[in-house]
Amino acid sequence: MSMPWNGEEPKAAAPLGPAPGDDDLPRRPGRIHISARQRGVDLTTLGRLALHLPEILASTAVVFSLSYVVDALFAPPWWASLACWLLSGAVAFHQPCERVIARWLYDLRHPTLEENRKLRAVWHEVAARAGVDERGYQLWVEESDSVNALAAASHIVGVTSHSLGALSHAQLAGVLAHELGHHIRGHAWAALLIHWYGLPGRLAWRLLRRLAGRIDRLSTGATALAVGLGAAAVMALAAATYGLIFLPLLTPYLAAAVQRRSELRADEHAAGLGFAPELLTVLRNEHERVGPEPSGGGVIARLLDSHPDVHTRMHHLQKRLDARA
């Protein structure tokens, strides 16, 4: 019996997935070689960081302004608050903090004894093929009746309970290899960094929108003055920045396109480890189980979708298989 991976005693559960004799995952022969370079950054990661840079700068400006207010009211140096916020991002990648993120932000739990046995066996093979240290990641389970998984922060790999019960060892390996691709290519840590450092700016924007919603309570003259000043400020900023002030209006569409590309890159990583047939089978079976994707929402909704449709993913995986044939 394997020891609990997280230092806590897992709860007993009924066996999940294929029996040990039905394990269809071929093992990598020979010794396991750990690559000296465990992670990297691809173009989609750099693209996401670049697209969200204005949002991060806006958040920095908000925190900078609040630091001056705190300095004026309570007398600590203004740079102390700003420095604490800038350094706080590193804390989010500390493994104990990631455990809190996994539990409270993503609603994940530790695997049971049987879940852990299957999950660890499959993860060992995926990590061996990729040349990464399997102990560098935390494996979690999400209670869900869909086939899905996630990669978050710097060490979190989560998989749904339905995936553990419904998928074979080889199919589960394809799903986990996809999530490992997000980690190795830098997608997961970049997403957390963008979320954390963009939070003050998003909160300030929501506050401004709420205040703007109360403008109808002003008198006609005050409303006209506020609208005029706002329009003048926008025009002045547009002229000073050569129209770049309007670039954030396109950011959601560009960011969604980059995220869709990152999903295809993660599929490529799984295919590169030899899991293209298994991942293709998972996508096809899930598509048949759930049925066709709803066509509602129009073009705008599709442009804002962060995931490519299943047909696009299957097409790219099939091209990889045909190229190897």
Protein backbone atom coordinates (compact mmCIF):
# COMPACT_ATOMS: atom_id res chain seq x y z
CA MET A 1 0.00 0.00 0.00
CA SER A 2 1.38 3.38 -0.99
CA MET A 3 1.88 6.06 1.59
CA PRO A 4 -0.27 9.23 1.46
CA TRP A 5 1.41 11.77 -0.83
CA ASN A 6 0.34 14.86 1.12
CA GLY A 7 1.06 13.83 4.67
CA GLU A 8 -2.65 13.32 5.41
CA GLU A 9 -4.42 9.98 5.62
CA PRO A 10 -6.72 9.69 2.58
CA LYS A 11 -10.25 8.46 3.08
CA ALA A 12 -11.02 4.98 1.89
CA ALA A 13 -13.19 4.67 -1.19
CA ALA A 14 -14.40 2.09 -3.64
CA PRO A 15 -11.90 1.23 -6.40
CA LEU A 16 -12.07 3.55 -9.37
CA GLY A 17 -11.24 2.99 -13.02
CA PRO A 18 -9.78 -0.15 -14.52
CA ALA A 19 -8.46 -2.87 -12.26
CA PRO A 20 -4.66 -3.20 -12.05
CA GLY A 21 -4.78 -6.05 -14.55
CA ASP A 22 -6.61 -3.83 -17.04
CA ASP A 23 -4.04 -1.05 -16.91
CA ASP A 24 -3.63 -0.02 -20.57
CA LEU A 25 -0.87 2.54 -20.05
CA PRO A 26 2.44 1.32 -21.52
CA ARG A 27 5.34 2.11 -19.23
CA ARG A 28 8.50 3.85 -20.39
CA PRO A 29 11.36 1.33 -20.34
CA GLY A 30 14.77 1.99 -18.84
CA ARG A 31 15.95 4.60 -16.40
CA ILE A 32 14.14 7.90 -15.87
CA HIS A 33 16.16 10.94 -16.91
CA ILE A 34 15.16 14.23 -15.30
CA SER A 35 15.71 17.19 -17.60
CA ALA A 36 17.92 19.99 -16.33
CA ARG A 37 15.41 22.52 -17.70
CA GLN A 38 12.07 21.70 -16.12
CA ARG A 39 10.05 24.68 -17.36
CA GLY A 40 10.08 27.37 -19.97
CA VAL A 41 8.04 30.21 -21.42
CA ASP A 42 6.43 30.03 -24.85
CA LEU A 43 5.06 32.79 -27.09
CA THR A 44 1.51 32.45 -25.78
CA THR A 45 2.72 33.12 -22.23
CA LEU A 46 4.65 36.19 -23.34
CA GLY A 47 1.66 37.33 -25.37
CA ARG A 48 -0.71 37.08 -22.40
CA LEU A 49 1.69 38.99 -20.16
CA ALA A 50 2.11 41.71 -22.80
CA LEU A 51 -1.64 42.07 -23.38
CA HIS A 52 -2.35 42.41 -19.66
CA LEU A 53 0.55 44.77 -18.99
CA PRO A 54 -1.71 47.90 -19.15
CA GLU A 55 -4.02 46.28 -16.59
CA ILE A 56 -1.07 45.51 -14.30
CA LEU A 57 0.25 49.06 -14.69
CA ALA A 58 -3.19 50.44 -13.85
CA SER A 59 -3.25 48.29 -10.71
CA THR A 60 0.19 49.59 -9.79
CA ALA A 61 -1.09 53.15 -10.16
CA VAL A 62 -4.06 52.37 -7.91
CA VAL A 63 -1.85 50.83 -5.21
CA PHE A 64 0.60 53.73 -5.57
CA SER A 65 -2.23 56.24 -4.97
CA LEU A 66 -3.54 54.31 -1.99
CA SER A 67 -0.02 54.15 -0.56
CA TYR A 68 0.16 57.94 -0.59
CA VAL A 69 -3.20 58.16 1.17
CA VAL A 70 -2.03 55.69 3.83
CA ASP A 71 1.19 57.66 4.18
CA ALA A 72 -0.76 60.88 4.72
CA LEU A 73 -3.16 59.37 7.27
CA PHE A 74 -1.02 56.94 9.23
CA ALA A 75 2.54 58.10 8.51
CA PRO A 76 4.24 54.85 7.35
CA PRO A 77 6.48 55.41 4.30
CA TRP A 78 4.47 55.29 1.07
CA TRP A 79 6.90 52.93 -0.58
CA ALA A 80 6.41 50.27 2.12
CA SER A 81 2.83 49.51 1.09
CA LEU A 82 3.76 49.50 -2.59
CA ALA A 83 6.72 47.20 -1.98
CA CYS A 84 4.60 44.78 0.05
CA TRP A 85 2.08 44.54 -2.76
CA LEU A 86 4.77 44.02 -5.39
CA LEU A 87 6.35 41.24 -3.32
CA SER A 88 3.02 39.61 -2.49
CA GLY A 89 2.91 37.91 -5.88
CA ALA A 90 5.84 35.70 -4.93
CA VAL A 91 3.95 34.50 -1.83
CA ALA A 92 1.17 33.14 -4.04
CA PHE A 93 3.64 30.65 -5.51
CA HIS A 94 4.77 29.37 -2.10
CA GLN A 95 3.51 25.78 -1.85
CA PRO A 96 1.64 26.19 1.49
CA CYS A 97 -0.15 29.20 -0.03
CA GLU A 98 -0.90 27.15 -3.15
CA ARG A 99 -2.65 24.60 -0.96
CA VAL A 100 -4.92 27.36 0.33
CA ILE A 101 -5.52 28.50 -3.26
CA ALA A 102 -6.37 24.96 -4.32
CA ARG A 103 -8.88 24.49 -1.51
CA TRP A 104 -10.59 27.88 -1.42
CA LEU A 105 -10.17 29.37 -4.89
CA TYR A 106 -10.53 26.21 -7.00
CA ASP A 107 -12.56 24.10 -4.52
CA LEU A 108 -10.22 21.10 -4.80
CA ARG A 109 -9.70 18.28 -2.31
CA HIS A 110 -7.07 15.66 -1.58
CA PRO A 111 -7.52 12.35 -3.42
CA THR A 112 -8.85 9.33 -1.55
CA LEU A 113 -6.70 6.25 -1.12
CA GLU A 114 -7.85 4.56 -4.33
CA GLU A 115 -7.87 7.83 -6.28
CA ASN A 116 -4.34 8.52 -5.10
CA ARG A 117 -3.17 5.06 -6.16
CA LYS A 118 -4.41 5.47 -9.73
CA LEU A 119 -3.48 9.13 -9.98
CA ARG A 120 0.06 8.62 -8.74
CA ALA A 121 0.69 5.64 -11.03
CA VAL A 122 -0.43 7.58 -14.10
CA TRP A 123 1.33 10.79 -13.06
CA HIS A 124 4.59 8.89 -12.57
CA GLU A 125 4.51 7.73 -16.20
CA VAL A 126 3.58 11.18 -17.57
CA ALA A 127 6.36 12.88 -15.61
CA ALA A 128 8.87 10.18 -16.65
CA ARG A 129 8.13 10.72 -20.33
CA ALA A 130 8.38 14.50 -19.92
CA GLY A 131 11.62 14.27 -17.93
CA VAL A 132 10.26 16.26 -14.97
CA ASP A 133 10.36 15.59 -11.24
CA GLU A 134 6.90 14.24 -10.35
CA ARG A 135 7.35 15.38 -6.73
CA GLY A 136 7.40 19.00 -7.85
CA TYR A 137 3.62 19.05 -8.33
CA GLN A 138 0.59 18.73 -6.05
CA LEU A 139 -2.19 16.43 -7.27
CA TRP A 140 -5.76 17.39 -6.38
CA VAL A 141 -9.30 16.25 -7.19
CA GLU A 142 -12.35 18.33 -8.09
CA GLU A 143 -15.83 16.97 -7.42
CA SER A 144 -17.47 17.13 -10.85
CA ASP A 145 -19.41 14.89 -13.22
CA SER A 146 -17.48 16.06 -16.29
CA VAL A 147 -14.20 15.03 -17.83
CA ASN A 148 -11.88 17.91 -17.07
CA ALA A 149 -8.63 18.90 -15.39
CA LEU A 150 -6.75 22.07 -14.52
CA ALA A 151 -3.26 23.45 -14.05
CA ALA A 152 -2.93 26.37 -11.67
CA ALA A 153 -0.31 28.46 -9.90
CA SER A 154 3.09 26.83 -10.14
CA HIS A 155 2.53 23.33 -8.73
CA ILE A 156 -1.21 22.54 -8.81
CA VAL A 157 -2.58 19.80 -11.06
CA GLY A 158 -6.26 19.00 -10.55
CA VAL A 159 -8.50 16.40 -12.16
CA THR A 160 -12.22 15.78 -11.76
CA SER A 161 -13.53 12.79 -9.82
CA HIS A 162 -15.47 11.71 -12.92
CA SER A 163 -12.28 11.64 -14.96
CA LEU A 164 -10.66 9.34 -12.40
CA GLY A 165 -13.60 6.97 -12.49
CA ALA A 166 -14.45 7.02 -16.19
CA LEU A 167 -11.10 7.22 -17.97
CA SER A 168 -8.64 4.43 -18.49
CA HIS A 169 -5.07 4.84 -17.28
CA ALA A 170 -3.88 5.80 -20.76
CA GLN A 171 -6.69 8.30 -21.31
CA LEU A 172 -6.10 9.87 -17.90
CA ALA A 173 -2.42 10.14 -18.81
CA GLY A 174 -3.35 12.12 -21.92
CA VAL A 175 -5.41 14.55 -19.85
CA LEU A 176 -2.65 14.99 -17.26
CA ALA A 177 -0.02 15.42 -19.99
CA HIS A 178 -2.11 18.31 -21.34
CA GLU A 179 -2.12 19.99 -17.91
CA LEU A 180 1.60 19.38 -17.49
CA GLY A 181 2.06 21.19 -20.80
CA HIS A 182 0.42 24.26 -19.28
CA HIS A 183 2.95 24.18 -16.44
CA ILE A 184 6.01 23.48 -18.56
CA ARG A 185 5.15 26.24 -21.05
CA GLY A 186 4.44 28.81 -18.32
CA HIS A 187 0.70 29.21 -18.91
CA ALA A 188 -0.36 28.40 -15.35
CA TRP A 189 1.91 30.75 -13.39
CA ALA A 190 1.29 33.58 -15.87
CA ALA A 191 -2.48 33.25 -15.38
CA LEU A 192 -2.15 33.51 -11.59
CA LEU A 193 0.25 36.45 -11.88
CA ILE A 194 -2.12 38.32 -14.19
CA HIS A 195 -5.08 37.64 -11.90
CA TRP A 196 -3.26 38.76 -8.76
CA TYR A 197 -1.57 41.91 -10.05
CA GLY A 198 -4.63 42.96 -12.04
CA LEU A 199 -6.98 42.72 -9.05
CA PRO A 200 -6.61 46.32 -7.70
CA GLY A 201 -7.25 47.76 -11.16
CA ARG A 202 -10.35 45.61 -11.66
CA LEU A 203 -11.73 46.60 -8.26
CA ALA A 204 -11.12 50.28 -9.01
CA TRP A 205 -12.85 49.92 -12.39
CA ARG A 206 -15.90 48.33 -10.75
CA LEU A 207 -16.03 51.19 -8.27
CA LEU A 208 -15.89 53.76 -11.08
CA ARG A 209 -18.67 51.99 -12.94
CA ARG A 210 -20.81 51.97 -9.82
CA LEU A 211 -20.20 55.68 -9.32
CA ALA A 212 -20.97 56.35 -12.97
CA GLY A 213 -24.27 54.52 -12.51
CA ARG A 214 -25.30 57.17 -10.01
CA ILE A 215 -24.73 60.04 -12.42
CA ASP A 216 -28.49 60.20 -13.20
CA ARG A 217 -29.03 61.43 -9.66
CA LEU A 218 -27.11 64.62 -10.42
CA SER A 219 -28.72 67.76 -11.73
CA THR A 220 -28.78 68.40 -15.47
CA GLY A 221 -25.98 70.95 -15.25
CA ALA A 222 -23.76 68.74 -13.09
CA THR A 223 -24.34 65.78 -15.43
CA ALA A 224 -23.42 67.82 -18.49
CA LEU A 225 -20.28 69.09 -16.74
CA ALA A 226 -19.21 65.59 -15.70
CA VAL A 227 -19.79 64.17 -19.21
CA GLY A 228 -17.95 67.09 -20.79
CA LEU A 229 -14.95 66.77 -18.52
CA GLY A 230 -14.83 63.01 -19.06
CA ALA A 231 -14.99 63.37 -22.84
CA ALA A 232 -12.29 66.05 -22.81
CA ALA A 233 -10.03 63.86 -20.68
CA VAL A 234 -10.51 60.89 -23.02
CA MET A 235 -9.78 62.98 -26.12
CA ALA A 236 -6.68 64.46 -24.51
CA LEU A 237 -5.37 61.04 -23.53
CA ALA A 238 -6.13 59.67 -27.00
CA ALA A 239 -4.16 62.47 -28.63
CA ALA A 240 -1.26 62.10 -26.19
CA THR A 241 -1.02 58.32 -26.67
CA TYR A 242 -1.74 58.31 -30.43
CA GLY A 243 -4.93 56.33 -29.81
CA LEU A 244 -3.28 53.62 -27.70
CA ILE A 245 -5.70 54.42 -24.90
CA PHE A 246 -8.35 52.52 -26.87
CA LEU A 247 -6.19 49.40 -27.11
CA PRO A 248 -7.64 47.92 -23.86
CA LEU A 249 -11.00 47.71 -25.67
CA LEU A 250 -9.47 45.01 -27.88
CA THR A 251 -7.56 43.29 -25.09
CA PRO A 252 -10.35 40.81 -24.12
CA TYR A 253 -10.58 39.53 -27.70
CA LEU A 254 -6.82 39.31 -28.18
CA ALA A 255 -6.33 37.67 -24.78
CA ALA A 256 -9.02 35.08 -25.55
CA ALA A 257 -7.33 34.28 -28.88
CA VAL A 258 -3.99 33.80 -27.12
CA GLN A 259 -5.61 31.56 -24.50
CA ARG A 260 -7.14 29.40 -27.23
CA ARG A 261 -3.70 29.05 -28.78
CA SER A 262 -2.23 28.06 -25.40
CA GLU A 263 -4.77 25.22 -25.17
CA LEU A 264 -3.60 23.93 -28.55
CA ARG A 265 0.01 24.23 -27.39
CA ALA A 266 -0.81 22.10 -24.33
CA ASP A 267 -2.39 19.53 -26.67
CA GLU A 268 0.83 19.57 -28.70
CA HIS A 269 2.80 18.84 -25.54
CA ALA A 270 0.61 15.84 -24.73
CA ALA A 271 0.94 14.61 -28.31
CA GLY A 272 4.72 15.02 -28.14
CA LEU A 273 4.74 12.64 -25.15
CA GLY A 274 2.86 10.05 -27.21
CA PHE A 275 -0.64 10.67 -25.86
CA ALA A 276 -2.30 12.08 -28.99
CA PRO A 277 -4.51 8.99 -29.61
CA GLU A 278 -5.66 8.87 -25.99
CA LEU A 279 -6.41 12.60 -25.81
CA LEU A 280 -8.23 12.41 -29.15
CA THR A 281 -10.36 9.56 -27.80
CA VAL A 282 -11.18 11.51 -24.63
CA LEU A 283 -12.27 14.56 -26.64
CA ARG A 284 -14.36 12.47 -29.02
CA ASN A 285 -16.07 10.47 -26.27
CA GLU A 286 -16.82 13.55 -24.19
CA HIS A 287 -18.18 15.35 -27.25
CA GLU A 288 -20.50 12.42 -27.95
CA ARG A 289 -21.56 12.21 -24.29
CA VAL A 290 -22.32 15.91 -23.85
CA GLY A 291 -23.60 16.48 -27.38
CA PRO A 292 -22.92 19.33 -29.80
CA GLU A 293 -21.80 22.61 -28.33
CA PRO A 294 -24.53 25.27 -28.15
CA SER A 295 -24.40 27.69 -31.05
CA GLY A 296 -25.96 30.57 -29.14
CA GLY A 297 -24.07 33.70 -28.20
CA GLY A 298 -23.07 34.76 -31.67
CA VAL A 299 -19.72 35.78 -33.04
CA ILE A 300 -18.79 37.97 -30.07
CA ALA A 301 -19.23 35.10 -27.61
CA ARG A 302 -17.06 32.82 -29.73
CA LEU A 303 -14.35 35.49 -29.98
CA LEU A 304 -14.34 35.82 -26.18
CA ASP A 305 -14.21 32.06 -25.57
CA SER A 306 -10.95 31.10 -23.87
CA HIS A 307 -11.03 27.50 -25.16
CA PRO A 308 -11.05 26.32 -28.78
CA ASP A 309 -14.01 24.20 -29.81
CA VAL A 310 -13.59 20.44 -29.62
CA HIS A 311 -13.52 20.04 -33.40
CA THR A 312 -10.52 22.37 -33.66
CA ARG A 313 -8.65 20.44 -30.98
CA MET A 314 -9.42 17.09 -32.59
CA HIS A 315 -8.37 18.42 -36.00
CA HIS A 316 -4.96 19.51 -34.70
CA LEU A 317 -4.41 16.24 -32.85
CA GLN A 318 -5.38 14.25 -35.93
CA LYS A 319 -2.87 16.24 -37.99
CA ARG A 320 -0.17 15.26 -35.51
CA LEU A 321 -1.12 11.60 -35.83
CA ASP A 322 -1.21 11.77 -39.62
CA ALA A 323 2.21 13.41 -39.71
CA ARG A 324 3.65 10.53 -37.68
CA ALA A 325 2.00 7.85 -39.80
